[in-house]
């Protein structure tokens, strides 16, 4: 399975995070372009330390957005969306 190394920004404090996601295949061994591949992160910044989700969509865009639990604080997830970039794709 291909592994995508990416760089994303924390939606709250804009700290740079790096990570990797293993892309999923369908049962017929073709890449599933309709599935969003997600990864959960916790910000490493000591003053922030909040959780956020990093997604790679079918177009190859890297998006970081808060978890839905942040609505309890009066912040809506679509207000804090940030973009990232793909660093490398390993087969």
PDB file of N, CA and C in Angstrom:
ATOM      1  N   UNK A   1       0.837  -1.188   0.000  1.00  0.00           N
ATOM      2  CA  UNK A   1       0.000   0.000   0.000  1.00  0.00           C
ATOM      3  C   UNK A   1       0.878   1.247   0.000  1.00  0.00           C
ATOM      4  N   UNK A   2       0.479   2.257  -0.752  1.00  0.00           N
ATOM      5  CA  UNK A   2       1.264   3.490  -0.738  1.00  0.00           C
ATOM      6  C   UNK A   2       1.101   4.240   0.582  1.00  0.00           C
ATOM      7  N   UNK A   3       2.176   4.861   1.001  1.00  0.00           N
ATOM      8  CA  UNK A   3       2.177   5.676   2.212  1.00  0.00           C
ATOM      9  C   UNK A   3       2.452   7.116   1.793  1.00  0.00           C
ATOM     10  N   UNK A   4       1.602   8.026   2.224  1.00  0.00           N
ATOM     11  CA  UNK A   4       1.736   9.439   1.890  1.00  0.00           C
ATOM     12  C   UNK A   4       2.281  10.174   3.101  1.00  0.00           C
ATOM     13  N   UNK A   5       3.421  10.844   2.930  1.00  0.00           N
ATOM     14  CA  UNK A   5       3.967  11.713   3.972  1.00  0.00           C
ATOM     15  C   UNK A   5       3.463  13.122   3.696  1.00  0.00           C
ATOM     16  N   UNK A   6       2.922  13.771   4.706  1.00  0.00           N
ATOM     17  CA  UNK A   6       2.314  15.082   4.505  1.00  0.00           C
ATOM     18  C   UNK A   6       2.760  16.060   5.581  1.00  0.00           C
ATOM     19  N   UNK A   7       2.458  17.320   5.315  1.00  0.00           N
ATOM     20  CA  UNK A   7       2.720  18.402   6.257  1.00  0.00           C
ATOM     21  C   UNK A   7       1.420  19.186   6.392  1.00  0.00           C
ATOM     22  N   UNK A   8       0.973  19.411   7.619  1.00  0.00           N
ATOM     23  CA  UNK A   8      -0.276  20.129   7.865  1.00  0.00           C
ATOM     24  C   UNK A   8      -0.082  21.104   9.020  1.00  0.00           C
ATOM     25  N   UNK A   9      -0.922  22.126   9.046  1.00  0.00           N
ATOM     26  CA  UNK A   9      -0.866  23.140  10.095  1.00  0.00           C
ATOM     27  C   UNK A   9      -1.991  22.913  11.092  1.00  0.00           C
ATOM     28  N   UNK A  10      -1.697  23.113  12.366  1.00  0.00           N
ATOM     29  CA  UNK A  10      -2.728  23.031  13.400  1.00  0.00           C
ATOM     30  C   UNK A  10      -3.761  24.129  13.130  1.00  0.00           C
ATOM     31  N   UNK A  11      -5.051  23.810  13.120  1.00  0.00           N
ATOM     32  CA  UNK A  11      -6.066  24.826  12.847  1.00  0.00           C
ATOM     33  C   UNK A  11      -6.170  25.907  13.922  1.00  0.00           C
ATOM     34  N   UNK A  12      -5.624  25.661  15.095  1.00  0.00           N
ATOM     35  CA  UNK A  12      -5.756  26.606  16.204  1.00  0.00           C
ATOM     36  C   UNK A  12      -4.552  27.529  16.346  1.00  0.00           C
ATOM     37  N   UNK A  13      -3.329  26.970  16.307  1.00  0.00           N
ATOM     38  CA  UNK A  13      -2.135  27.785  16.562  1.00  0.00           C
ATOM     39  C   UNK A  13      -1.179  27.835  15.370  1.00  0.00           C
ATOM     40  N   UNK A  14      -1.509  27.166  14.268  1.00  0.00           N
ATOM     41  CA  UNK A  14      -0.728  27.171  13.016  1.00  0.00           C
ATOM     42  C   UNK A  14       0.657  26.543  13.160  1.00  0.00           C
ATOM     43  N   UNK A  15       0.849  25.636  14.120  1.00  0.00           N
ATOM     44  CA  UNK A  15       2.096  24.886  14.258  1.00  0.00           C
ATOM     45  C   UNK A  15       2.150  23.826  13.160  1.00  0.00           C
ATOM     46  N   UNK A  16       3.321  23.640  12.561  1.00  0.00           N
ATOM     47  CA  UNK A  16       3.477  22.661  11.485  1.00  0.00           C
ATOM     48  C   UNK A  16       3.581  21.256  12.066  1.00  0.00           C
ATOM     49  N   UNK A  17       2.823  20.330  11.497  1.00  0.00           N
ATOM     50  CA  UNK A  17       2.859  18.922  11.890  1.00  0.00           C
ATOM     51  C   UNK A  17       3.168  18.080  10.664  1.00  0.00           C
ATOM     52  N   UNK A  18       3.942  17.034  10.852  1.00  0.00           N
ATOM     53  CA  UNK A  18       4.213  16.083   9.781  1.00  0.00           C
ATOM     54  C   UNK A  18       3.677  14.727  10.203  1.00  0.00           C
ATOM     55  N   UNK A  19       3.198  13.970   9.241  1.00  0.00           N
ATOM     56  CA  UNK A  19       2.649  12.658   9.540  1.00  0.00           C
ATOM     57  C   UNK A  19       2.580  11.814   8.292  1.00  0.00           C
ATOM     58  N   UNK A  20       1.987  10.640   8.428  1.00  0.00           N
ATOM     59  CA  UNK A  20       1.835   9.755   7.277  1.00  0.00           C
ATOM     60  C   UNK A  20       0.495   9.043   7.364  1.00  0.00           C
ATOM     61  N   UNK A  21      -0.042   8.737   6.193  1.00  0.00           N
ATOM     62  CA  UNK A  21      -1.297   8.013   6.075  1.00  0.00           C
ATOM     63  C   UNK A  21      -1.086   6.889   5.072  1.00  0.00           C
ATOM     64  N   UNK A  22      -1.545   5.705   5.438  1.00  0.00           N
ATOM     65  CA  UNK A  22      -1.501   4.568   4.530  1.00  0.00           C
ATOM     66  C   UNK A  22      -2.801   4.583   3.724  1.00  0.00           C
ATOM     67  N   UNK A  23      -2.680   4.750   2.412  1.00  0.00           N
ATOM     68  CA  UNK A  23      -3.860   4.856   1.565  1.00  0.00           C
ATOM     69  C   UNK A  23      -4.547   3.504   1.421  1.00  0.00           C
ATOM     70  N   UNK A  24      -5.855   3.533   1.334  1.00  0.00           N
ATOM     71  CA  UNK A  24      -6.662   2.310   1.287  1.00  0.00           C
ATOM     72  C   UNK A  24      -6.920   1.877  -0.154  1.00  0.00           C
ATOM     73  N   UNK A  25      -7.015   0.579  -0.332  1.00  0.00           N
ATOM     74  CA  UNK A  25      -7.371  -0.002  -1.620  1.00  0.00           C
ATOM     75  C   UNK A  25      -8.740  -0.656  -1.524  1.00  0.00           C
ATOM     76  N   UNK A  26      -9.380  -0.809  -2.677  1.00  0.00           N
ATOM     77  CA  UNK A  26     -10.643  -1.537  -2.731  1.00  0.00           C
ATOM     78  C   UNK A  26     -10.356  -3.034  -2.780  1.00  0.00           C
ATOM     79  N   UNK A  27     -11.410  -3.833  -2.808  1.00  0.00           N
ATOM     80  CA  UNK A  27     -11.246  -5.287  -2.845  1.00  0.00           C
ATOM     81  C   UNK A  27     -10.589  -5.766  -4.133  1.00  0.00           C
ATOM     82  N   UNK A  28     -10.730  -4.997  -5.228  1.00  0.00           N
ATOM     83  CA  UNK A  28     -10.115  -5.390  -6.496  1.00  0.00           C
ATOM     84  C   UNK A  28      -8.710  -4.799  -6.663  1.00  0.00           C
ATOM     85  N   UNK A  29      -8.100  -4.365  -5.559  1.00  0.00           N
ATOM     86  CA  UNK A  29      -6.728  -3.839  -5.505  1.00  0.00           C
ATOM     87  C   UNK A  29      -6.521  -2.552  -6.293  1.00  0.00           C
ATOM     88  N   UNK A  30      -7.571  -1.785  -6.523  1.00  0.00           N
ATOM     89  CA  UNK A  30      -7.440  -0.467  -7.120  1.00  0.00           C
ATOM     90  C   UNK A  30      -7.572   0.574  -6.016  1.00  0.00           C
ATOM     91  N   UNK A  31      -6.913   1.708  -6.186  1.00  0.00           N
ATOM     92  CA  UNK A  31      -6.944   2.761  -5.179  1.00  0.00           C
ATOM     93  C   UNK A  31      -8.342   3.346  -5.080  1.00  0.00           C
ATOM     94  N   UNK A  32      -8.835   3.496  -3.880  1.00  0.00           N
ATOM     95  CA  UNK A  32     -10.173   4.014  -3.634  1.00  0.00           C
ATOM     96  C   UNK A  32     -10.125   5.537  -3.587  1.00  0.00           C
ATOM     97  N   UNK A  33     -10.429   6.188  -4.723  1.00  0.00           N
ATOM     98  CA  UNK A  33     -10.320   7.643  -4.795  1.00  0.00           C
ATOM     99  C   UNK A  33     -11.502   8.353  -4.154  1.00  0.00           C
ATOM    100  N   UNK A  34     -12.581   7.660  -3.880  1.00  0.00           N
ATOM    101  CA  UNK A  34     -13.743   8.306  -3.277  1.00  0.00           C
ATOM    102  C   UNK A  34     -13.682   8.320  -1.757  1.00  0.00           C
ATOM    103  N   UNK A  35     -12.792   7.566  -1.188  1.00  0.00           N
ATOM    104  CA  UNK A  35     -12.681   7.492   0.271  1.00  0.00           C
ATOM    105  C   UNK A  35     -11.715   8.562   0.766  1.00  0.00           C
ATOM    106  N   UNK A  36     -12.113   9.280   1.776  1.00  0.00           N
ATOM    107  CA  UNK A  36     -11.202  10.242   2.399  1.00  0.00           C
ATOM    108  C   UNK A  36     -10.352   9.504   3.419  1.00  0.00           C
ATOM    109  N   UNK A  37      -9.075   9.683   3.340  1.00  0.00           N
ATOM    110  CA  UNK A  37      -8.147   9.038   4.262  1.00  0.00           C
ATOM    111  C   UNK A  37      -7.861  10.010   5.398  1.00  0.00           C
ATOM    112  N   UNK A  38      -8.107   9.588   6.647  1.00  0.00           N
ATOM    113  CA  UNK A  38      -8.033  10.473   7.808  1.00  0.00           C
ATOM    114  C   UNK A  38      -6.982  10.010   8.800  1.00  0.00           C
ATOM    115  N   UNK A  39      -6.484  10.977   9.565  1.00  0.00           N
ATOM    116  CA  UNK A  39      -5.553  10.705  10.644  1.00  0.00           C
ATOM    117  C   UNK A  39      -5.839  11.705  11.763  1.00  0.00           C
ATOM    118  N   UNK A  40      -5.808  11.242  13.005  1.00  0.00           N
ATOM    119  CA  UNK A  40      -6.064  12.105  14.157  1.00  0.00           C
ATOM    120  C   UNK A  40      -4.736  12.570  14.744  1.00  0.00           C
ATOM    121  N   UNK A  41      -4.613  13.873  15.000  1.00  0.00           N
ATOM    122  CA  UNK A  41      -3.398  14.453  15.568  1.00  0.00           C
ATOM    123  C   UNK A  41      -3.725  15.187  16.859  1.00  0.00           C
ATOM    124  N   UNK A  42      -2.741  15.286  17.721  1.00  0.00           N
ATOM    125  CA  UNK A  42      -2.802  16.144  18.904  1.00  0.00           C
ATOM    126  C   UNK A  42      -1.677  17.153  18.741  1.00  0.00           C
ATOM    127  N   UNK A  43      -1.989  18.433  18.875  1.00  0.00           N
ATOM    128  CA  UNK A  43      -0.993  19.485  18.675  1.00  0.00           C
ATOM    129  C   UNK A  43       0.139  19.348  19.687  1.00  0.00           C
ATOM    130  N   UNK A  44       1.370  19.486  19.211  1.00  0.00           N
ATOM    131  CA  UNK A  44       2.556  19.351  20.067  1.00  0.00           C
ATOM    132  C   UNK A  44       2.883  20.635  20.821  1.00  0.00           C
ATOM    133  N   UNK A  45       2.248  21.736  20.422  1.00  0.00           N
ATOM    134  CA  UNK A  45       2.484  23.012  21.073  1.00  0.00           C
ATOM    135  C   UNK A  45       1.929  22.954  22.504  1.00  0.00           C
ATOM    136  N   UNK A  46       2.740  23.311  23.481  1.00  0.00           N
ATOM    137  CA  UNK A  46       2.338  23.205  24.890  1.00  0.00           C
ATOM    138  C   UNK A  46       1.159  24.108  25.243  1.00  0.00           C
ATOM    139  N   UNK A  47       1.031  25.243  24.582  1.00  0.00           N
ATOM    140  CA  UNK A  47      -0.071  26.148  24.892  1.00  0.00           C
ATOM    141  C   UNK A  47      -1.366  25.737  24.201  1.00  0.00           C
ATOM    142  N   UNK A  48      -1.292  24.913  23.171  1.00  0.00           N
ATOM    143  CA  UNK A  48      -2.480  24.510  22.410  1.00  0.00           C
ATOM    144  C   UNK A  48      -2.971  23.123  22.838  1.00  0.00           C
ATOM    145  N   UNK A  49      -2.260  22.085  22.508  1.00  0.00           N
ATOM    146  CA  UNK A  49      -2.548  20.681  22.866  1.00  0.00           C
ATOM    147  C   UNK A  49      -3.963  20.225  22.513  1.00  0.00           C
ATOM    148  N   UNK A  50      -4.521  20.698  21.392  1.00  0.00           N
ATOM    149  CA  UNK A  50      -5.867  20.308  20.980  1.00  0.00           C
ATOM    150  C   UNK A  50      -5.802  19.247  19.885  1.00  0.00           C
ATOM    151  N   UNK A  51      -6.877  18.469  19.774  1.00  0.00           N
ATOM    152  CA  UNK A  51      -6.961  17.434  18.747  1.00  0.00           C
ATOM    153  C   UNK A  51      -7.503  18.020  17.450  1.00  0.00           C
ATOM    154  N   UNK A  52      -6.998  17.496  16.321  1.00  0.00           N
ATOM    155  CA  UNK A  52      -7.539  17.856  15.022  1.00  0.00           C
ATOM    156  C   UNK A  52      -7.366  16.691  14.058  1.00  0.00           C
ATOM    157  N   UNK A  53      -8.137  16.722  12.984  1.00  0.00           N
ATOM    158  CA  UNK A  53      -8.143  15.656  11.988  1.00  0.00           C
ATOM    159  C   UNK A  53      -7.428  16.145  10.738  1.00  0.00           C
ATOM    160  N   UNK A  54      -6.585  15.287  10.165  1.00  0.00           N
ATOM    161  CA  UNK A  54      -5.943  15.574   8.885  1.00  0.00           C
ATOM    162  C   UNK A  54      -6.521  14.605   7.864  1.00  0.00           C
ATOM    163  N   UNK A  55      -7.011  15.140   6.739  1.00  0.00           N
ATOM    164  CA  UNK A  55      -7.610  14.326   5.686  1.00  0.00           C
ATOM    165  C   UNK A  55      -6.876  14.547   4.374  1.00  0.00           C
ATOM    166  N   UNK A  56      -6.777  13.488   3.591  1.00  0.00           N
ATOM    167  CA  UNK A  56      -6.318  13.599   2.207  1.00  0.00           C
ATOM    168  C   UNK A  56      -7.504  13.189   1.355  1.00  0.00           C
ATOM    169  N   UNK A  57      -8.008  14.124   0.549  1.00  0.00           N
ATOM    170  CA  UNK A  57      -9.193  13.810  -0.247  1.00  0.00           C
ATOM    171  C   UNK A  57      -8.800  13.165  -1.572  1.00  0.00           C
ATOM    172  N   UNK A  58      -9.787  12.889  -2.408  1.00  0.00           N
ATOM    173  CA  UNK A  58      -9.549  12.166  -3.653  1.00  0.00           C
ATOM    174  C   UNK A  58      -8.749  12.978  -4.666  1.00  0.00           C
ATOM    175  N   UNK A  59      -8.639  14.288  -4.490  1.00  0.00           N
ATOM    176  CA  UNK A  59      -7.854  15.132  -5.389  1.00  0.00           C
ATOM    177  C   UNK A  59      -6.418  15.316  -4.911  1.00  0.00           C
ATOM    178  N   UNK A  60      -6.076  14.779  -3.764  1.00  0.00           N
ATOM    179  CA  UNK A  60      -4.729  14.910  -3.228  1.00  0.00           C
ATOM    180  C   UNK A  60      -4.534  16.134  -2.355  1.00  0.00           C
ATOM    181  N   UNK A  61      -5.606  16.799  -1.969  1.00  0.00           N
ATOM    182  CA  UNK A  61      -5.511  17.957  -1.083  1.00  0.00           C
ATOM    183  C   UNK A  61      -5.377  17.496   0.363  1.00  0.00           C
ATOM    184  N   UNK A  62      -4.517  18.163   1.112  1.00  0.00           N
ATOM    185  CA  UNK A  62      -4.343  17.877   2.535  1.00  0.00           C
ATOM    186  C   UNK A  62      -5.088  18.959   3.310  1.00  0.00           C
ATOM    187  N   UNK A  63      -6.015  18.541   4.155  1.00  0.00           N
ATOM    188  CA  UNK A  63      -6.860  19.469   4.902  1.00  0.00           C
ATOM    189  C   UNK A  63      -6.789  19.117   6.384  1.00  0.00           C
ATOM    190  N   UNK A  64      -6.610  20.120   7.228  1.00  0.00           N
ATOM    191  CA  UNK A  64      -6.634  19.927   8.681  1.00  0.00           C
ATOM    192  C   UNK A  64      -7.841  20.679   9.231  1.00  0.00           C
ATOM    193  N   UNK A  65      -8.646  19.984  10.038  1.00  0.00           N
ATOM    194  CA  UNK A  65      -9.817  20.616  10.621  1.00  0.00           C
ATOM    195  C   UNK A  65     -10.026  20.097  12.035  1.00  0.00           C
ATOM    196  N   UNK A  66     -10.666  20.896  12.886  1.00  0.00           N
ATOM    197  CA  UNK A  66     -10.898  20.475  14.272  1.00  0.00           C
ATOM    198  C   UNK A  66     -11.863  19.296  14.343  1.00  0.00           C
ATOM    199  N   UNK A  67     -11.809  18.572  15.445  1.00  0.00           N
ATOM    200  CA  UNK A  67     -12.761  17.490  15.673  1.00  0.00           C
ATOM    201  C   UNK A  67     -14.136  18.091  15.982  1.00  0.00           C
ATOM    202  N   UNK A  68     -15.211  17.354  15.747  1.00  0.00           N
ATOM    203  CA  UNK A  68     -16.558  17.894  16.015  1.00  0.00           C
ATOM    204  C   UNK A  68     -16.809  18.272  17.476  1.00  0.00           C
ATOM    205  N   UNK A  69     -16.031  17.748  18.414  1.00  0.00           N
ATOM    206  CA  UNK A  69     -16.230  18.076  19.830  1.00  0.00           C
ATOM    207  C   UNK A  69     -15.934  19.545  20.145  1.00  0.00           C
ATOM    208  N   UNK A  70     -15.248  20.247  19.240  1.00  0.00           N
ATOM    209  CA  UNK A  70     -14.885  21.648  19.489  1.00  0.00           C
ATOM    210  C   UNK A  70     -16.124  22.556  19.484  1.00  0.00           C
ATOM    211  N   UNK A  71     -17.252  22.064  18.954  1.00  0.00           N
ATOM    212  CA  UNK A  71     -18.475  22.867  18.941  1.00  0.00           C
ATOM    213  C   UNK A  71     -18.959  23.197  20.349  1.00  0.00           C
ATOM    214  N   UNK A  72     -18.550  22.409  21.340  1.00  0.00           N
ATOM    215  CA  UNK A  72     -18.925  22.691  22.728  1.00  0.00           C
ATOM    216  C   UNK A  72     -18.348  24.025  23.201  1.00  0.00           C
ATOM    217  N   UNK A  73     -17.207  24.430  22.612  1.00  0.00           N
ATOM    218  CA  UNK A  73     -16.570  25.698  22.973  1.00  0.00           C
ATOM    219  C   UNK A  73     -17.088  26.866  22.144  1.00  0.00           C
ATOM    220  N   UNK A  74     -18.076  26.620  21.284  1.00  0.00           N
ATOM    221  CA  UNK A  74     -18.631  27.686  20.459  1.00  0.00           C
ATOM    222  C   UNK A  74     -17.875  27.921  19.170  1.00  0.00           C
ATOM    223  N   UNK A  75     -16.983  27.012  18.802  1.00  0.00           N
ATOM    224  CA  UNK A  75     -16.219  27.129  17.561  1.00  0.00           C
ATOM    225  C   UNK A  75     -16.738  26.070  16.602  1.00  0.00           C
ATOM    226  N   UNK A  76     -17.068  26.467  15.380  1.00  0.00           N
ATOM    227  CA  UNK A  76     -17.532  25.512  14.386  1.00  0.00           C
ATOM    228  C   UNK A  76     -16.348  25.014  13.565  1.00  0.00           C
ATOM    229  N   UNK A  77     -16.298  23.704  13.249  1.00  0.00           N
ATOM    230  CA  UNK A  77     -15.135  23.136  12.551  1.00  0.00           C
ATOM    231  C   UNK A  77     -14.821  23.807  11.216  1.00  0.00           C
ATOM    232  N   UNK A  78     -15.823  24.242  10.477  1.00  0.00           N
ATOM    233  CA  UNK A  78     -15.563  24.839   9.168  1.00  0.00           C
ATOM    234  C   UNK A  78     -14.951  26.237   9.265  1.00  0.00           C
ATOM    235  N   UNK A  79     -14.924  26.816  10.453  1.00  0.00           N
ATOM    236  CA  UNK A  79     -14.292  28.125  10.632  1.00  0.00           C
ATOM    237  C   UNK A  79     -12.782  28.023  10.783  1.00  0.00           C
ATOM    238  N   UNK A  80     -12.262  26.844  11.070  1.00  0.00           N
ATOM    239  CA  UNK A  80     -10.842  26.673  11.389  1.00  0.00           C
ATOM    240  C   UNK A  80     -10.124  25.731  10.421  1.00  0.00           C
ATOM    241  N   UNK A  81     -10.579  25.591   9.194  1.00  0.00           N
ATOM    242  CA  UNK A  81      -9.946  24.672   8.241  1.00  0.00           C
ATOM    243  C   UNK A  81      -8.639  25.279   7.734  1.00  0.00           C
ATOM    244  N   UNK A  82      -7.568  24.475   7.746  1.00  0.00           N
ATOM    245  CA  UNK A  82      -6.287  24.893   7.176  1.00  0.00           C
ATOM    246  C   UNK A  82      -5.845  23.859   6.153  1.00  0.00           C
ATOM    247  N   UNK A  83      -4.974  24.277   5.253  1.00  0.00           N
ATOM    248  CA  UNK A  83      -4.486  23.387   4.207  1.00  0.00           C
ATOM    249  C   UNK A  83      -3.048  22.998   4.478  1.00  0.00           C
ATOM    250  N   UNK A  84      -2.659  21.887   3.918  1.00  0.00           N
ATOM    251  CA  UNK A  84      -1.288  21.405   4.033  1.00  0.00           C
ATOM    252  C   UNK A  84      -0.785  20.990   2.667  1.00  0.00           C
ATOM    253  N   UNK A  85       0.253  20.161   2.657  1.00  0.00           N
ATOM    254  CA  UNK A  85       0.776  19.699   1.371  1.00  0.00           C
ATOM    255  C   UNK A  85       1.360  18.300   1.524  1.00  0.00           C
ATOM    256  N   UNK A  86       1.417  17.594   0.402  1.00  0.00           N
ATOM    257  CA  UNK A  86       2.009  16.263   0.368  1.00  0.00           C
ATOM    258  C   UNK A  86       3.508  16.421   0.165  1.00  0.00           C
ATOM    259  N   UNK A  87       4.293  15.788   1.021  1.00  0.00           N
ATOM    260  CA  UNK A  87       5.744  15.853   0.913  1.00  0.00           C
ATOM    261  C   UNK A  87       6.299  14.748   0.022  1.00  0.00           C
ATOM    262  N   UNK A  88       5.780  13.523   0.200  1.00  0.00           N
ATOM    263  CA  UNK A  88       6.328  12.387  -0.532  1.00  0.00           C
ATOM    264  C   UNK A  88       5.308  11.252  -0.549  1.00  0.00           C
ATOM    265  N   UNK A  89       5.355  10.455  -1.616  1.00  0.00           N
ATOM    266  CA  UNK A  89       4.520   9.264  -1.714  1.00  0.00           C
ATOM    267  C   UNK A  89       5.445   8.072  -1.867  1.00  0.00           C
ATOM    268  N   UNK A  90       5.350   7.122  -0.941  1.00  0.00           N
ATOM    269  CA  UNK A  90       6.179   5.915  -0.976  1.00  0.00           C
ATOM    270  C   UNK A  90       5.310   4.731  -1.354  1.00  0.00           C
ATOM    271  N   UNK A  91       5.791   3.917  -2.245  1.00  0.00           N
ATOM    272  CA  UNK A  91       5.044   2.712  -2.662  1.00  0.00           C
ATOM    273  C   UNK A  91       5.310   1.573  -1.725  1.00  0.00           C
TER     274      UNK A  91
END
